[in-house]
Amino acid sequence: MSWLIDTNLISLCHKRYLPAPLADWLAKNEAECFISTVTIAEMRFGVELADAELRGVLAARVDQTENDFAEAIEAVDTETLIHWKRVFAFPKSIRRTLPCEDTLLAAQCLAKGHVLATDNTRHFAVLKPLGLKTEKPLAG
């Protein structure tokens, strides 16, 4: 089994204290974990939006993430984008909305056979009929 780690969990990796359940989960599953280029883009854009005095620290965190996960960063490819069109359309068909980034991460999971590791499983539950599987590492 492999996992794509949601941006919300990656951001916790650079907090002063990494939650113990997440640290344990990462240690156990590190070899099968991936990060999307979508997450890297979200993090880089967050640096741009940050107050000037925080940008240096945040940019260093993004650089550290890219270094730590260099072998596990997975690009969005054509197969993922084909799945994304389906994933993006589905919530609209049931009068729901999801952020574009979340639909891209879900599509990448479906295209590559990953489980989405997230702290926000309820948010992604709407995509379960499409076959999206989620796991909440912070649940312990």
C-alpha atoms as a PDB file:
ATOM      1  CA  MET A   1       0.000   0.000   0.000  1.00  0.00           C
ATOM      2  CA  SER A   2       1.203   3.526  -0.737  1.00  0.00           C
ATOM      3  CA  TRP A   3       0.102   6.909   0.566  1.00  0.00           C
ATOM      4  CA  LEU A   4      -0.024  10.425  -0.800  1.00  0.00           C
ATOM      5  CA  ILE A   5       0.391  12.822   2.109  1.00  0.00           C
ATOM      6  CA  ASP A   6      -1.998  15.765   2.206  1.00  0.00           C
ATOM      7  CA  THR A   7      -0.550  19.247   2.559  1.00  0.00           C
ATOM      8  CA  ASN A   8      -2.073  19.681   6.029  1.00  0.00           C
ATOM      9  CA  LEU A   9       0.095  16.841   7.367  1.00  0.00           C
ATOM     10  CA  ILE A  10       3.255  18.020   5.612  1.00  0.00           C
ATOM     11  CA  SER A  11       2.861  21.424   7.240  1.00  0.00           C
ATOM     12  CA  LEU A  12       2.845  19.724  10.656  1.00  0.00           C
ATOM     13  CA  CYS A  13       6.284  18.263   9.942  1.00  0.00           C
ATOM     14  CA  HIS A  14       7.846  21.690  10.465  1.00  0.00           C
ATOM     15  CA  LYS A  15       6.084  22.669  13.646  1.00  0.00           C
ATOM     16  CA  ARG A  16       8.063  22.867  16.874  1.00  0.00           C
ATOM     17  CA  TYR A  17       6.568  19.559  18.038  1.00  0.00           C
ATOM     18  CA  LEU A  18       5.562  16.905  15.556  1.00  0.00           C
ATOM     19  CA  PRO A  19       2.488  15.109  16.928  1.00  0.00           C
ATOM     20  CA  ALA A  20       3.583  11.681  18.202  1.00  0.00           C
ATOM     21  CA  PRO A  21       0.954   9.722  16.229  1.00  0.00           C
ATOM     22  CA  LEU A  22       2.124  11.378  13.000  1.00  0.00           C
ATOM     23  CA  ALA A  23       5.798  10.791  13.816  1.00  0.00           C
ATOM     24  CA  ASP A  24       5.077   7.113  14.507  1.00  0.00           C
ATOM     25  CA  TRP A  25       2.982   6.758  11.353  1.00  0.00           C
ATOM     26  CA  LEU A  26       5.648   8.394   9.175  1.00  0.00           C
ATOM     27  CA  ALA A  27       8.398   6.224  10.671  1.00  0.00           C
ATOM     28  CA  LYS A  28       6.370   3.092   9.961  1.00  0.00           C
ATOM     29  CA  ASN A  29       5.276   4.048   6.426  1.00  0.00           C
ATOM     30  CA  GLU A  30       8.039   6.309   5.138  1.00  0.00           C
ATOM     31  CA  ALA A  31       9.099   3.997   2.314  1.00  0.00           C
ATOM     32  CA  GLU A  32       5.602   3.986   0.813  1.00  0.00           C
ATOM     33  CA  CYS A  33       4.811   7.727   1.200  1.00  0.00           C
ATOM     34  CA  PHE A  34       4.683  10.312  -1.561  1.00  0.00           C
ATOM     35  CA  ILE A  35       4.145  14.053  -1.764  1.00  0.00           C
ATOM     36  CA  SER A  36       2.497  15.673  -4.753  1.00  0.00           C
ATOM     37  CA  THR A  37       3.925  18.572  -6.681  1.00  0.00           C
ATOM     38  CA  VAL A  38       0.546  20.125  -5.865  1.00  0.00           C
ATOM     39  CA  THR A  39       1.595  20.229  -2.199  1.00  0.00           C
ATOM     40  CA  ILE A  40       4.937  21.789  -3.094  1.00  0.00           C
ATOM     41  CA  ALA A  41       3.128  24.440  -5.152  1.00  0.00           C
ATOM     42  CA  GLU A  42       0.705  25.138  -2.288  1.00  0.00           C
ATOM     43  CA  MET A  43       3.605  25.572   0.110  1.00  0.00           C
ATOM     44  CA  ARG A  44       5.572  27.847  -2.246  1.00  0.00           C
ATOM     45  CA  PHE A  45       2.506  30.002  -2.854  1.00  0.00           C
ATOM     46  CA  GLY A  46       1.971  30.202   0.907  1.00  0.00           C
ATOM     47  CA  VAL A  47       5.462  31.680   1.204  1.00  0.00           C
ATOM     48  CA  GLU A  48       4.507  34.362  -1.316  1.00  0.00           C
ATOM     49  CA  LEU A  49       1.403  35.257   0.690  1.00  0.00           C
ATOM     50  CA  ALA A  50       3.175  35.361   4.056  1.00  0.00           C
ATOM     51  CA  ASP A  51       4.219  38.523   5.836  1.00  0.00           C
ATOM     52  CA  ALA A  52       7.656  39.671   4.709  1.00  0.00           C
ATOM     53  CA  GLU A  53       9.287  38.882   8.054  1.00  0.00           C
ATOM     54  CA  LEU A  54       8.140  35.230   7.868  1.00  0.00           C
ATOM     55  CA  ARG A  55       9.022  34.516   4.245  1.00  0.00           C
ATOM     56  CA  GLY A  56      12.620  33.489   4.906  1.00  0.00           C
ATOM     57  CA  VAL A  57      11.656  30.972   7.583  1.00  0.00           C
ATOM     58  CA  LEU A  58       8.811  29.562   5.523  1.00  0.00           C
ATOM     59  CA  ALA A  59      10.932  29.356   2.359  1.00  0.00           C
ATOM     60  CA  ALA A  60      13.530  27.399   4.346  1.00  0.00           C
ATOM     61  CA  ARG A  61      10.794  25.006   5.506  1.00  0.00           C
ATOM     62  CA  VAL A  62       9.662  24.419   1.934  1.00  0.00           C
ATOM     63  CA  ASP A  63      13.270  23.831   0.871  1.00  0.00           C
ATOM     64  CA  GLN A  64      13.693  21.388   3.767  1.00  0.00           C
ATOM     65  CA  THR A  65      10.527  19.537   2.750  1.00  0.00           C
ATOM     66  CA  GLU A  66      11.748  19.269  -0.822  1.00  0.00           C
ATOM     67  CA  ASN A  67      15.119  17.957   0.395  1.00  0.00           C
ATOM     68  CA  ASP A  68      13.632  15.533   2.935  1.00  0.00           C
ATOM     69  CA  PHE A  69      11.160  14.084   0.447  1.00  0.00           C
ATOM     70  CA  ALA A  70      13.192  14.511  -2.767  1.00  0.00           C
ATOM     71  CA  GLU A  71      12.871  10.829  -3.707  1.00  0.00           C
ATOM     72  CA  ALA A  72       9.157  10.800  -2.930  1.00  0.00           C
ATOM     73  CA  ILE A  73       7.898  13.903  -4.752  1.00  0.00           C
ATOM     74  CA  GLU A  74       5.473  12.754  -7.416  1.00  0.00           C
ATOM     75  CA  ALA A  75       4.544  14.992 -10.329  1.00  0.00           C
ATOM     76  CA  VAL A  76       1.034  15.444 -11.652  1.00  0.00           C
ATOM     77  CA  ASP A  77       0.901  13.702 -15.017  1.00  0.00           C
ATOM     78  CA  THR A  78      -1.624  13.294 -17.821  1.00  0.00           C
ATOM     79  CA  GLU A  79      -3.198  10.200 -16.237  1.00  0.00           C
ATOM     80  CA  THR A  80      -3.769  12.181 -13.033  1.00  0.00           C
ATOM     81  CA  LEU A  81      -5.288  15.085 -14.964  1.00  0.00           C
ATOM     82  CA  ILE A  82      -7.724  12.753 -16.732  1.00  0.00           C
ATOM     83  CA  HIS A  83      -8.837  11.447 -13.323  1.00  0.00           C
ATOM     84  CA  TRP A  84      -8.962  15.035 -12.077  1.00  0.00           C
ATOM     85  CA  LYS A  85     -11.574  16.020 -14.657  1.00  0.00           C
ATOM     86  CA  ARG A  86     -13.833  13.252 -13.282  1.00  0.00           C
ATOM     87  CA  VAL A  87     -13.053  14.082  -9.649  1.00  0.00           C
ATOM     88  CA  PHE A  88     -13.604  17.798 -10.208  1.00  0.00           C
ATOM     89  CA  ALA A  89     -16.976  17.201 -11.888  1.00  0.00           C
ATOM     90  CA  PHE A  90     -18.335  14.743  -9.322  1.00  0.00           C
ATOM     91  CA  PRO A  91     -18.893  17.103  -6.353  1.00  0.00           C
ATOM     92  CA  LYS A  92     -20.639  19.565  -8.669  1.00  0.00           C
ATOM     93  CA  SER A  93     -23.038  16.803  -9.714  1.00  0.00           C
ATOM     94  CA  ILE A  94     -24.163  16.474  -6.087  1.00  0.00           C
ATOM     95  CA  ARG A  95     -24.079  20.225  -5.371  1.00  0.00           C
ATOM     96  CA  ARG A  96     -20.859  20.180  -3.357  1.00  0.00           C
ATOM     97  CA  THR A  97     -17.579  21.929  -3.876  1.00  0.00           C
ATOM     98  CA  LEU A  98     -13.989  21.081  -3.062  1.00  0.00           C
ATOM     99  CA  PRO A  99     -10.907  23.226  -3.570  1.00  0.00           C
ATOM    100  CA  CYS A 100      -9.056  22.564  -6.801  1.00  0.00           C
ATOM    101  CA  GLU A 101      -5.928  21.445  -4.913  1.00  0.00           C
ATOM    102  CA  ASP A 102      -7.899  18.826  -3.002  1.00  0.00           C
ATOM    103  CA  THR A 103      -9.471  17.443  -6.155  1.00  0.00           C
ATOM    104  CA  LEU A 104      -6.004  17.214  -7.733  1.00  0.00           C
ATOM    105  CA  LEU A 105      -4.638  15.293  -4.736  1.00  0.00           C
ATOM    106  CA  ALA A 106      -7.632  12.949  -4.819  1.00  0.00           C
ATOM    107  CA  ALA A 107      -7.185  12.396  -8.549  1.00  0.00           C
ATOM    108  CA  GLN A 108      -3.508  11.627  -8.051  1.00  0.00           C
ATOM    109  CA  CYS A 109      -4.435   9.021  -5.456  1.00  0.00           C
ATOM    110  CA  LEU A 110      -6.927   7.420  -7.800  1.00  0.00           C
ATOM    111  CA  ALA A 111      -4.539   7.470 -10.767  1.00  0.00           C
ATOM    112  CA  LYS A 112      -1.595   6.024  -8.830  1.00  0.00           C
ATOM    113  CA  GLY A 113      -3.430   3.720  -6.426  1.00  0.00           C
ATOM    114  CA  HIS A 114      -2.487   5.713  -3.305  1.00  0.00           C
ATOM    115  CA  VAL A 115      -4.448   6.137  -0.113  1.00  0.00           C
ATOM    116  CA  LEU A 116      -4.724   9.807   0.867  1.00  0.00           C
ATOM    117  CA  ALA A 117      -3.141  10.417   4.274  1.00  0.00           C
ATOM    118  CA  THR A 118      -4.924  13.446   5.697  1.00  0.00           C
ATOM    119  CA  ASP A 119      -6.193  14.935   8.911  1.00  0.00           C
ATOM    120  CA  ASN A 120      -9.315  15.939   7.032  1.00  0.00           C
ATOM    121  CA  THR A 121     -10.965  12.637   6.109  1.00  0.00           C
ATOM    122  CA  ARG A 122     -14.483  14.075   6.475  1.00  0.00           C
ATOM    123  CA  HIS A 123     -13.680  16.703   3.846  1.00  0.00           C
ATOM    124  CA  PHE A 124     -12.736  14.024   1.315  1.00  0.00           C
ATOM    125  CA  ALA A 125     -15.607  11.657   2.203  1.00  0.00           C
ATOM    126  CA  VAL A 126     -17.670  13.096  -0.655  1.00  0.00           C
ATOM    127  CA  LEU A 127     -15.233  11.401  -3.065  1.00  0.00           C
ATOM    128  CA  LYS A 128     -15.584   7.917  -1.579  1.00  0.00           C
ATOM    129  CA  PRO A 129     -18.058   6.849  -4.332  1.00  0.00           C
ATOM    130  CA  LEU A 130     -15.255   7.418  -6.840  1.00  0.00           C
ATOM    131  CA  GLY A 131     -13.053   4.966  -4.953  1.00  0.00           C
ATOM    132  CA  LEU A 132     -10.924   7.413  -2.966  1.00  0.00           C
ATOM    133  CA  LYS A 133      -9.496   5.834   0.171  1.00  0.00           C
ATOM    134  CA  THR A 134      -8.312   7.961   3.083  1.00  0.00           C
ATOM    135  CA  GLU A 135      -6.414   7.377   6.286  1.00  0.00           C
ATOM    136  CA  LYS A 136      -6.021   9.666   9.296  1.00  0.00           C
ATOM    137  CA  PRO A 137      -2.501   9.203  10.737  1.00  0.00           C
ATOM    138  CA  LEU A 138      -3.225  11.580  13.620  1.00  0.00           C
ATOM    139  CA  ALA A 139      -5.928   9.232  14.866  1.00  0.00           C
ATOM    140  CA  GLY A 140      -3.146   7.069  16.233  1.00  0.00           C
END
